[in-house]
Amino acid sequence: MQPQMNNPQPQFNRFLEGVLYGCNDAGSIPDALASGYAVIAVVDIEEAYKYANVPNLAIMSNLLPPPEAVTAYIDGEAAIGHQIYYEYLSNREREATVVTVLQALYGHRPSIRFRNFLIYTDYEPDVEFNILYTLGEFFKNTFGIVMAPYKQYQAYNIGMPQYDYIISNLLFSNGKINKYEFVSMLPQDAMPTDVSCSILLSDINYQPSGLEDGYRIVCNYIAQLRAEIASNYTMKSPIIQINDKLNKDLEQSINDKIFESQSKFGNQ
C-alpha cells in the first residue's frame, strides 16, 4: 500500500495586500475598472495615448520585451527570446517600475485603496510574443506573486522567507516603506542588502570602522527596532536615544558658538 502524500497548501504572503491578474482582451479594461480593479497597461508608447486619461490606470511600456527578444522569437528562437526578455525584466533599469508594482501590491496606505490589479497587454499569446506568460513567470519566480488569468482563477502571493527578503529590501531601499515595516517583513536572522544596511546606518548617523562593525551595529539596531514594535512603540531604541542625545548636544554646541560669536561681534 502506497503511503498517501499530502500536498502542502501554499503559505500566503501576509505582507502583500493586493493580487495580480493578467489579460490581453481590451474589453476587460472597462470591466476591471468598474469592478474596482486598478489597471497596468503594458502597451507600446504609440498606443499609450488611448489610456492616457483613464482613471486608475497606469502605463508601463518599459515592461514590454526589448526588440532583440522579439527578433529572436520571430526567427524561431523562442527559448532565446524568452530568456532575453526574462533577463531584461530582471535588469536594474526596470527596478523603479517593478518597485511601483510591488508598492501597489504591498498597500498599507490610505492612498492605495485597491486590492486587485490587472496587467493588460494587447499581444496575442502564441501568435505574437507571449508577454503575459513571461511577466507571470518573472513575478512568481522572483517575488512569489502568482498572477492569474482575469476572472478565471484566483491570484495569490506565496509567503516564503526568500520572497519577503527580496520584496522588503527593494521597497525599503527605494523609500517605499519605513524602517519599522522593513524589519517586520525582513526574515529573522537575515542580513539586509548593503544598500539597506547603508540606509539604516545613515538613520543613526553611524560611520562603521569596517564591514564587520557595520553589520554588528545593523543587527543590533534591527533587534532594537523589533523590540520597539513588540512594545507597541513604548520602548524607544537605545541607539536612537543615544543618537537623539548626541544630536541635541551637537545642536546646543552649535548654538553656543553662534551666540558666543554674536556676543564678540557686538562687543567689537
C-alpha atoms as a PDB file:
ATOM      1  CA  MET A   1       0.000   0.000   0.000  1.00  0.00           C
ATOM      2  CA  GLN A   2       1.420   3.335  -1.062  1.00  0.00           C
ATOM      3  CA  PRO A   3       1.587   5.995   1.641  1.00  0.00           C
ATOM      4  CA  GLN A   4      -0.629   8.963   0.980  1.00  0.00           C
ATOM      5  CA  MET A   5       1.234  12.144   0.122  1.00  0.00           C
ATOM      6  CA  ASN A   6      -0.233  15.352   1.428  1.00  0.00           C
ATOM      7  CA  ASN A   7       0.247  18.247  -0.949  1.00  0.00           C
ATOM      8  CA  PRO A   8       1.125  21.184   1.302  1.00  0.00           C
ATOM      9  CA  GLN A   9      -1.010  24.249   0.791  1.00  0.00           C
ATOM     10  CA  PRO A  10       0.964  27.360  -0.095  1.00  0.00           C
ATOM     11  CA  GLN A  11       1.580  29.810   2.701  1.00  0.00           C
ATOM     12  CA  PHE A  12       0.076  33.122   1.687  1.00  0.00           C
ATOM     13  CA  ASN A  13       2.137  36.278   1.961  1.00  0.00           C
ATOM     14  CA  ARG A  14       0.844  38.213   4.965  1.00  0.00           C
ATOM     15  CA  PHE A  15       2.544  41.459   3.953  1.00  0.00           C
ATOM     16  CA  LEU A  16       1.132  41.987   0.450  1.00  0.00           C
ATOM     17  CA  GLU A  17      -2.475  43.158   0.433  1.00  0.00           C
ATOM     18  CA  GLY A  18      -3.011  43.115  -3.336  1.00  0.00           C
ATOM     19  CA  VAL A  19      -3.053  40.426  -6.021  1.00  0.00           C
ATOM     20  CA  LEU A  20      -2.231  40.471  -9.716  1.00  0.00           C
ATOM     21  CA  TYR A  21      -4.245  39.337 -12.724  1.00  0.00           C
ATOM     22  CA  GLY A  22      -3.420  39.358 -16.418  1.00  0.00           C
ATOM     23  CA  CYS A  23      -5.280  39.504 -19.719  1.00  0.00           C
ATOM     24  CA  ASN A  24      -4.873  40.547 -23.360  1.00  0.00           C
ATOM     25  CA  ASP A  25      -8.512  41.415 -24.004  1.00  0.00           C
ATOM     26  CA  ALA A  26      -9.023  45.177 -24.241  1.00  0.00           C
ATOM     27  CA  GLY A  27     -12.671  44.682 -23.327  1.00  0.00           C
ATOM     28  CA  SER A  28     -11.578  43.575 -19.876  1.00  0.00           C
ATOM     29  CA  ILE A  29     -10.236  47.038 -19.028  1.00  0.00           C
ATOM     30  CA  PRO A  30     -13.596  48.820 -18.530  1.00  0.00           C
ATOM     31  CA  ASP A  31     -14.961  45.719 -16.825  1.00  0.00           C
ATOM     32  CA  ALA A  32     -11.993  45.613 -14.429  1.00  0.00           C
ATOM     33  CA  LEU A  33     -12.216  49.336 -13.667  1.00  0.00           C
ATOM     34  CA  ALA A  34     -15.933  49.007 -12.984  1.00  0.00           C
ATOM     35  CA  SER A  35     -15.195  46.047 -10.698  1.00  0.00           C
ATOM     36  CA  GLY A  36     -12.805  48.081  -8.545  1.00  0.00           C
ATOM     37  CA  TYR A  37      -9.531  46.983 -10.102  1.00  0.00           C
ATOM     38  CA  ALA A  38      -6.597  49.187 -10.951  1.00  0.00           C
ATOM     39  CA  VAL A  39      -5.128  48.518 -14.386  1.00  0.00           C
ATOM     40  CA  ILE A  40      -1.498  48.379 -15.527  1.00  0.00           C
ATOM     41  CA  ALA A  41      -1.327  48.782 -19.310  1.00  0.00           C
ATOM     42  CA  VAL A  42       1.806  47.205 -20.771  1.00  0.00           C
ATOM     43  CA  VAL A  43       1.429  48.686 -24.247  1.00  0.00           C
ATOM     44  CA  ASP A  44       3.565  50.357 -26.916  1.00  0.00           C
ATOM     45  CA  ILE A  45       4.208  54.049 -26.438  1.00  0.00           C
ATOM     46  CA  GLU A  46       2.349  54.641 -29.718  1.00  0.00           C
ATOM     47  CA  GLU A  47      -0.742  53.030 -28.156  1.00  0.00           C
ATOM     48  CA  ALA A  48      -0.409  54.728 -24.778  1.00  0.00           C
ATOM     49  CA  TYR A  49      -2.462  57.759 -25.831  1.00  0.00           C
ATOM     50  CA  LYS A  50      -5.597  55.569 -25.743  1.00  0.00           C
ATOM     51  CA  TYR A  51      -5.224  55.181 -21.986  1.00  0.00           C
ATOM     52  CA  ALA A  52      -3.589  58.488 -21.050  1.00  0.00           C
ATOM     53  CA  ASN A  53      -6.609  59.960 -19.251  1.00  0.00           C
ATOM     54  CA  VAL A  54      -8.200  56.801 -17.912  1.00  0.00           C
ATOM     55  CA  PRO A  55      -8.604  56.966 -14.097  1.00  0.00           C
ATOM     56  CA  ASN A  56      -6.943  54.229 -12.039  1.00  0.00           C
ATOM     57  CA  LEU A  57      -4.838  53.088 -14.995  1.00  0.00           C
ATOM     58  CA  ALA A  58      -1.042  53.248 -15.176  1.00  0.00           C
ATOM     59  CA  ILE A  59       1.006  52.818 -18.354  1.00  0.00           C
ATOM     60  CA  MET A  60       4.215  50.773 -18.044  1.00  0.00           C
ATOM     61  CA  SER A  61       5.601  50.480 -21.560  1.00  0.00           C
ATOM     62  CA  ASN A  62       9.087  49.616 -20.356  1.00  0.00           C
ATOM     63  CA  LEU A  63       7.858  46.179 -19.268  1.00  0.00           C
ATOM     64  CA  LEU A  64       7.418  45.226 -22.908  1.00  0.00           C
ATOM     65  CA  PRO A  65      10.075  42.878 -24.352  1.00  0.00           C
ATOM     66  CA  PRO A  66      13.109  44.524 -25.966  1.00  0.00           C
ATOM     67  CA  PRO A  67      13.462  44.359 -29.776  1.00  0.00           C
ATOM     68  CA  GLU A  68      16.188  41.691 -29.631  1.00  0.00           C
ATOM     69  CA  ALA A  69      13.862  39.362 -27.697  1.00  0.00           C
ATOM     70  CA  VAL A  70      11.082  39.797 -30.248  1.00  0.00           C
ATOM     71  CA  THR A  71      13.559  39.304 -33.107  1.00  0.00           C
ATOM     72  CA  ALA A  72      14.759  36.021 -31.617  1.00  0.00           C
ATOM     73  CA  TYR A  73      11.152  34.875 -31.255  1.00  0.00           C
ATOM     74  CA  ILE A  74      10.341  35.761 -34.869  1.00  0.00           C
ATOM     75  CA  ASP A  75      13.467  33.938 -36.045  1.00  0.00           C
ATOM     76  CA  GLY A  76      12.196  30.755 -34.440  1.00  0.00           C
ATOM     77  CA  GLU A  77      14.396  31.014 -31.341  1.00  0.00           C
ATOM     78  CA  ALA A  78      11.535  31.215 -28.853  1.00  0.00           C
ATOM     79  CA  ALA A  79      13.595  29.947 -25.890  1.00  0.00           C
ATOM     80  CA  ILE A  80      16.328  32.522 -26.518  1.00  0.00           C
ATOM     81  CA  GLY A  81      13.761  35.283 -26.917  1.00  0.00           C
ATOM     82  CA  HIS A  82      12.114  34.252 -23.666  1.00  0.00           C
ATOM     83  CA  GLN A  83      15.469  34.253 -21.852  1.00  0.00           C
ATOM     84  CA  ILE A  84      16.376  37.705 -23.197  1.00  0.00           C
ATOM     85  CA  TYR A  85      13.024  39.095 -22.072  1.00  0.00           C
ATOM     86  CA  TYR A  86      13.268  37.493 -18.623  1.00  0.00           C
ATOM     87  CA  GLU A  87      16.755  38.917 -18.082  1.00  0.00           C
ATOM     88  CA  TYR A  88      15.516  42.278 -19.342  1.00  0.00           C
ATOM     89  CA  LEU A  89      12.804  42.337 -16.666  1.00  0.00           C
ATOM     90  CA  SER A  90      15.414  41.472 -14.018  1.00  0.00           C
ATOM     91  CA  ASN A  91      17.695  44.324 -15.099  1.00  0.00           C
ATOM     92  CA  ARG A  92      18.299  47.199 -12.692  1.00  0.00           C
ATOM     93  CA  GLU A  93      16.887  49.636 -15.256  1.00  0.00           C
ATOM     94  CA  ARG A  94      13.437  48.114 -14.738  1.00  0.00           C
ATOM     95  CA  GLU A  95      13.694  48.260 -10.940  1.00  0.00           C
ATOM     96  CA  ALA A  96      11.749  51.504 -10.471  1.00  0.00           C
ATOM     97  CA  THR A  97       8.801  50.180 -12.492  1.00  0.00           C
ATOM     98  CA  VAL A  98       8.824  46.797 -10.751  1.00  0.00           C
ATOM     99  CA  VAL A  99       9.017  48.525  -7.354  1.00  0.00           C
ATOM    100  CA  THR A 100       5.957  50.593  -8.280  1.00  0.00           C
ATOM    101  CA  VAL A 101       4.043  47.353  -8.854  1.00  0.00           C
ATOM    102  CA  LEU A 102       5.348  45.915  -5.571  1.00  0.00           C
ATOM    103  CA  GLN A 103       4.375  49.073  -3.699  1.00  0.00           C
ATOM    104  CA  ALA A 104       0.842  48.853  -5.104  1.00  0.00           C
ATOM    105  CA  LEU A 105       0.554  45.205  -4.080  1.00  0.00           C
ATOM    106  CA  TYR A 106       2.021  45.953  -0.654  1.00  0.00           C
ATOM    107  CA  GLY A 107      -0.672  48.533   0.080  1.00  0.00           C
ATOM    108  CA  HIS A 108      -0.930  49.527   3.757  1.00  0.00           C
ATOM    109  CA  ARG A 109      -1.507  53.157   2.726  1.00  0.00           C
ATOM    110  CA  PRO A 110      -4.774  55.128   2.631  1.00  0.00           C
ATOM    111  CA  SER A 111      -3.779  56.327  -0.843  1.00  0.00           C
ATOM    112  CA  ILE A 112      -3.565  52.722  -2.119  1.00  0.00           C
ATOM    113  CA  ARG A 113      -7.154  51.568  -1.873  1.00  0.00           C
ATOM    114  CA  PHE A 114      -7.026  48.818  -4.488  1.00  0.00           C
ATOM    115  CA  ARG A 115      -6.593  45.120  -3.746  1.00  0.00           C
ATOM    116  CA  ASN A 116      -6.928  43.771  -7.284  1.00  0.00           C
ATOM    117  CA  PHE A 117      -4.619  44.780 -10.128  1.00  0.00           C
ATOM    118  CA  LEU A 118      -4.927  43.835 -13.788  1.00  0.00           C
ATOM    119  CA  ILE A 119      -1.951  43.757 -16.140  1.00  0.00           C
ATOM    120  CA  TYR A 120      -3.173  44.252 -19.683  1.00  0.00           C
ATOM    121  CA  THR A 121      -1.178  43.765 -22.863  1.00  0.00           C
ATOM    122  CA  ASP A 122      -2.586  43.708 -26.382  1.00  0.00           C
ATOM    123  CA  TYR A 123      -0.273  40.971 -27.674  1.00  0.00           C
ATOM    124  CA  GLU A 124      -1.964  37.690 -28.528  1.00  0.00           C
ATOM    125  CA  PRO A 125      -0.446  34.614 -26.836  1.00  0.00           C
ATOM    126  CA  ASP A 126       1.208  32.082 -29.109  1.00  0.00           C
ATOM    127  CA  VAL A 127       0.657  34.360 -32.105  1.00  0.00           C
ATOM    128  CA  GLU A 128       3.000  37.108 -31.088  1.00  0.00           C
ATOM    129  CA  PHE A 129       5.463  37.255 -28.207  1.00  0.00           C
ATOM    130  CA  ASN A 130       3.777  35.804 -25.125  1.00  0.00           C
ATOM    131  CA  ILE A 131       4.292  38.730 -22.764  1.00  0.00           C
ATOM    132  CA  LEU A 132       1.868  37.682 -20.034  1.00  0.00           C
ATOM    133  CA  TYR A 133       3.470  34.282 -19.632  1.00  0.00           C
ATOM    134  CA  THR A 134       6.946  35.762 -19.144  1.00  0.00           C
ATOM    135  CA  LEU A 135       5.689  38.521 -16.850  1.00  0.00           C
ATOM    136  CA  GLY A 136       3.846  35.941 -14.773  1.00  0.00           C
ATOM    137  CA  GLU A 137       6.910  33.720 -14.575  1.00  0.00           C
ATOM    138  CA  PHE A 138       9.093  36.668 -13.570  1.00  0.00           C
ATOM    139  CA  PHE A 139       6.794  37.842 -10.769  1.00  0.00           C
ATOM    140  CA  LYS A 140       6.270  34.313  -9.445  1.00  0.00           C
ATOM    141  CA  ASN A 141       9.913  33.203  -9.508  1.00  0.00           C
ATOM    142  CA  THR A 142      11.276  36.468  -8.134  1.00  0.00           C
ATOM    143  CA  PHE A 143       8.624  37.595  -5.659  1.00  0.00           C
ATOM    144  CA  GLY A 144       6.208  34.695  -5.176  1.00  0.00           C
ATOM    145  CA  ILE A 145       3.451  36.746  -6.835  1.00  0.00           C
ATOM    146  CA  VAL A 146       1.198  34.294  -8.684  1.00  0.00           C
ATOM    147  CA  MET A 147      -0.593  36.162 -11.459  1.00  0.00           C
ATOM    148  CA  ALA A 148      -3.863  34.563 -12.576  1.00  0.00           C
ATOM    149  CA  PRO A 149      -5.921  34.943 -15.766  1.00  0.00           C
ATOM    150  CA  TYR A 150      -8.509  37.671 -15.262  1.00  0.00           C
ATOM    151  CA  LYS A 151     -11.738  36.281 -13.735  1.00  0.00           C
ATOM    152  CA  GLN A 152     -10.716  32.691 -14.379  1.00  0.00           C
ATOM    153  CA  TYR A 153      -8.602  31.720 -11.373  1.00  0.00           C
ATOM    154  CA  GLN A 154      -7.774  33.255  -8.008  1.00  0.00           C
ATOM    155  CA  ALA A 155      -4.477  35.106  -7.859  1.00  0.00           C
ATOM    156  CA  TYR A 156      -2.406  34.888  -4.683  1.00  0.00           C
ATOM    157  CA  ASN A 157       1.010  35.637  -3.219  1.00  0.00           C
ATOM    158  CA  ILE A 158       3.283  32.976  -1.758  1.00  0.00           C
ATOM    159  CA  GLY A 159       4.667  33.683   1.692  1.00  0.00           C
ATOM    160  CA  MET A 160       8.254  32.429   1.915  1.00  0.00           C
ATOM    161  CA  PRO A 161      11.355  33.980   3.535  1.00  0.00           C
ATOM    162  CA  GLN A 162      13.245  34.369   0.254  1.00  0.00           C
ATOM    163  CA  TYR A 163      10.399  36.387  -1.265  1.00  0.00           C
ATOM    164  CA  ASP A 164       9.954  38.500   1.872  1.00  0.00           C
ATOM    165  CA  TYR A 165      13.688  39.232   1.794  1.00  0.00           C
ATOM    166  CA  ILE A 166      13.711  40.453  -1.799  1.00  0.00           C
ATOM    167  CA  ILE A 167      10.487  42.468  -1.524  1.00  0.00           C
ATOM    168  CA  SER A 168      11.374  44.104   1.793  1.00  0.00           C
ATOM    169  CA  ASN A 169      14.825  45.191   0.655  1.00  0.00           C
ATOM    170  CA  LEU A 170      13.564  46.523  -2.669  1.00  0.00           C
ATOM    171  CA  LEU A 171      10.760  48.524  -1.058  1.00  0.00           C
ATOM    172  CA  PHE A 172      12.978  49.855   1.731  1.00  0.00           C
ATOM    173  CA  SER A 173      15.971  50.756  -0.433  1.00  0.00           C
ATOM    174  CA  ASN A 174      13.631  52.647  -2.777  1.00  0.00           C
ATOM    175  CA  GLY A 175      11.978  54.584   0.049  1.00  0.00           C
ATOM    176  CA  LYS A 176       8.573  52.894  -0.215  1.00  0.00           C
ATOM    177  CA  ILE A 177       8.375  51.526   3.342  1.00  0.00           C
ATOM    178  CA  ASN A 178       9.770  52.795   6.632  1.00  0.00           C
ATOM    179  CA  LYS A 179      12.286  51.081   8.889  1.00  0.00           C
ATOM    180  CA  TYR A 180       9.608  49.534  11.109  1.00  0.00           C
ATOM    181  CA  GLU A 181       7.797  47.975   8.159  1.00  0.00           C
ATOM    182  CA  PHE A 182      11.149  46.815   6.823  1.00  0.00           C
ATOM    183  CA  VAL A 183      12.281  44.967   9.938  1.00  0.00           C
ATOM    184  CA  SER A 184       8.806  43.443  10.299  1.00  0.00           C
ATOM    185  CA  MET A 185       8.980  41.964   6.796  1.00  0.00           C
ATOM    186  CA  LEU A 186      12.688  41.102   6.830  1.00  0.00           C
ATOM    187  CA  PRO A 187      13.093  37.403   7.750  1.00  0.00           C
ATOM    188  CA  GLN A 188      14.561  36.658  11.173  1.00  0.00           C
ATOM    189  CA  ASP A 189      18.358  36.340  11.227  1.00  0.00           C
ATOM    190  CA  ALA A 190      18.603  37.703   7.673  1.00  0.00           C
ATOM    191  CA  MET A 191      21.169  40.418   6.988  1.00  0.00           C
ATOM    192  CA  PRO A 192      19.805  43.261   4.831  1.00  0.00           C
ATOM    193  CA  THR A 193      21.359  44.084   1.497  1.00  0.00           C
ATOM    194  CA  ASP A 194      24.277  46.510   1.508  1.00  0.00           C
ATOM    195  CA  VAL A 195      22.005  49.325   0.295  1.00  0.00           C
ATOM    196  CA  SER A 196      19.517  48.717   3.104  1.00  0.00           C
ATOM    197  CA  CYS A 197      22.364  48.478   5.632  1.00  0.00           C
ATOM    198  CA  SER A 198      23.676  51.856   4.473  1.00  0.00           C
ATOM    199  CA  ILE A 199      20.238  53.413   4.938  1.00  0.00           C
ATOM    200  CA  LEU A 200      19.919  52.012   8.459  1.00  0.00           C
ATOM    201  CA  LEU A 201      23.402  53.220   9.396  1.00  0.00           C
ATOM    202  CA  SER A 202      22.621  56.654   7.986  1.00  0.00           C
ATOM    203  CA  ASP A 203      19.462  56.728  10.072  1.00  0.00           C
ATOM    204  CA  ILE A 204      21.563  56.644  13.229  1.00  0.00           C
ATOM    205  CA  ASN A 205      24.469  58.669  11.790  1.00  0.00           C
ATOM    206  CA  TYR A 206      26.904  55.829  12.351  1.00  0.00           C
ATOM    207  CA  GLN A 207      30.153  55.538  10.434  1.00  0.00           C
ATOM    208  CA  PRO A 208      31.372  51.934  10.756  1.00  0.00           C
ATOM    209  CA  SER A 209      35.079  51.192  11.016  1.00  0.00           C
ATOM    210  CA  GLY A 210      34.640  48.228   8.681  1.00  0.00           C
ATOM    211  CA  LEU A 211      32.163  45.719   7.303  1.00  0.00           C
ATOM    212  CA  GLU A 212      32.072  43.608  10.459  1.00  0.00           C
ATOM    213  CA  ASP A 213      31.447  46.650  12.626  1.00  0.00           C
ATOM    214  CA  GLY A 214      28.714  47.877  10.285  1.00  0.00           C
ATOM    215  CA  TYR A 215      26.941  44.520  10.231  1.00  0.00           C
ATOM    216  CA  ARG A 216      27.145  44.283  14.033  1.00  0.00           C
ATOM    217  CA  ILE A 217      25.521  47.684  14.504  1.00  0.00           C
ATOM    218  CA  VAL A 218      22.848  46.936  11.899  1.00  0.00           C
ATOM    219  CA  CYS A 219      21.958  43.647  13.631  1.00  0.00           C
ATOM    220  CA  ASN A 220      21.692  45.407  16.988  1.00  0.00           C
ATOM    221  CA  TYR A 221      19.610  48.197  15.502  1.00  0.00           C
ATOM    222  CA  ILE A 222      17.204  45.759  13.820  1.00  0.00           C
ATOM    223  CA  ALA A 223      16.778  43.852  17.098  1.00  0.00           C
ATOM    224  CA  GLN A 224      16.027  47.096  18.926  1.00  0.00           C
ATOM    225  CA  LEU A 225      13.531  48.229  16.296  1.00  0.00           C
ATOM    226  CA  ARG A 226      11.734  44.892  16.573  1.00  0.00           C
ATOM    227  CA  ALA A 227      11.667  45.225  20.361  1.00  0.00           C
ATOM    228  CA  GLU A 228      10.238  48.699  19.938  1.00  0.00           C
ATOM    229  CA  ILE A 229       7.465  47.306  17.715  1.00  0.00           C
ATOM    230  CA  ALA A 230       6.774  44.494  20.200  1.00  0.00           C
ATOM    231  CA  SER A 231       6.381  47.076  22.976  1.00  0.00           C
ATOM    232  CA  ASN A 232       3.807  48.926  20.849  1.00  0.00           C
ATOM    233  CA  TYR A 233       6.380  51.704  20.449  1.00  0.00           C
ATOM    234  CA  THR A 234       6.521  52.465  24.176  1.00  0.00           C
ATOM    235  CA  MET A 235      10.187  51.419  24.391  1.00  0.00           C
ATOM    236  CA  LYS A 236      12.424  53.529  22.192  1.00  0.00           C
ATOM    237  CA  SER A 237      15.538  52.015  20.631  1.00  0.00           C
ATOM    238  CA  PRO A 238      18.636  52.716  22.797  1.00  0.00           C
ATOM    239  CA  ILE A 239      20.625  53.528  19.666  1.00  0.00           C
ATOM    240  CA  ILE A 240      18.028  56.141  18.706  1.00  0.00           C
ATOM    241  CA  GLN A 241      18.054  57.524  22.254  1.00  0.00           C
ATOM    242  CA  ILE A 242      21.826  57.918  22.156  1.00  0.00           C
ATOM    243  CA  ASN A 243      21.675  59.400  18.679  1.00  0.00           C
ATOM    244  CA  ASP A 244      18.986  61.874  19.753  1.00  0.00           C
ATOM    245  CA  LYS A 245      21.124  62.946  22.720  1.00  0.00           C
ATOM    246  CA  LEU A 246      24.196  63.377  20.524  1.00  0.00           C
ATOM    247  CA  ASN A 247      22.188  65.455  18.068  1.00  0.00           C
ATOM    248  CA  LYS A 248      20.795  67.567  20.915  1.00  0.00           C
ATOM    249  CA  ASP A 249      24.271  68.104  22.370  1.00  0.00           C
ATOM    250  CA  LEU A 250      25.624  68.989  18.930  1.00  0.00           C
ATOM    251  CA  GLU A 251      22.786  71.436  18.354  1.00  0.00           C
ATOM    252  CA  GLN A 252      23.427  73.037  21.750  1.00  0.00           C
ATOM    253  CA  SER A 253      27.148  73.290  20.987  1.00  0.00           C
ATOM    254  CA  ILE A 254      26.432  74.964  17.647  1.00  0.00           C
ATOM    255  CA  ASN A 255      24.002  77.385  19.284  1.00  0.00           C
ATOM    256  CA  ASP A 256      26.555  78.244  21.983  1.00  0.00           C
ATOM    257  CA  LYS A 257      29.142  79.019  19.326  1.00  0.00           C
ATOM    258  CA  ILE A 258      26.668  81.137  17.389  1.00  0.00           C
ATOM    259  CA  PHE A 259      25.680  83.129  20.461  1.00  0.00           C
ATOM    260  CA  GLU A 260      29.310  83.468  21.538  1.00  0.00           C
ATOM    261  CA  SER A 261      30.244  84.701  18.067  1.00  0.00           C
ATOM    262  CA  GLN A 262      27.420  87.216  18.078  1.00  0.00           C
ATOM    263  CA  SER A 263      28.476  88.471  21.506  1.00  0.00           C
ATOM    264  CA  LYS A 264      32.061  89.018  20.432  1.00  0.00           C
ATOM    265  CA  PHE A 265      30.899  90.739  17.252  1.00  0.00           C
ATOM    266  CA  GLY A 266      28.638  93.010  19.236  1.00  0.00           C
ATOM    267  CA  ASN A 267      31.392  93.956  21.637  1.00  0.00           C
ATOM    268  CA  GLN A 268      33.801  94.910  18.858  1.00  0.00           C
END
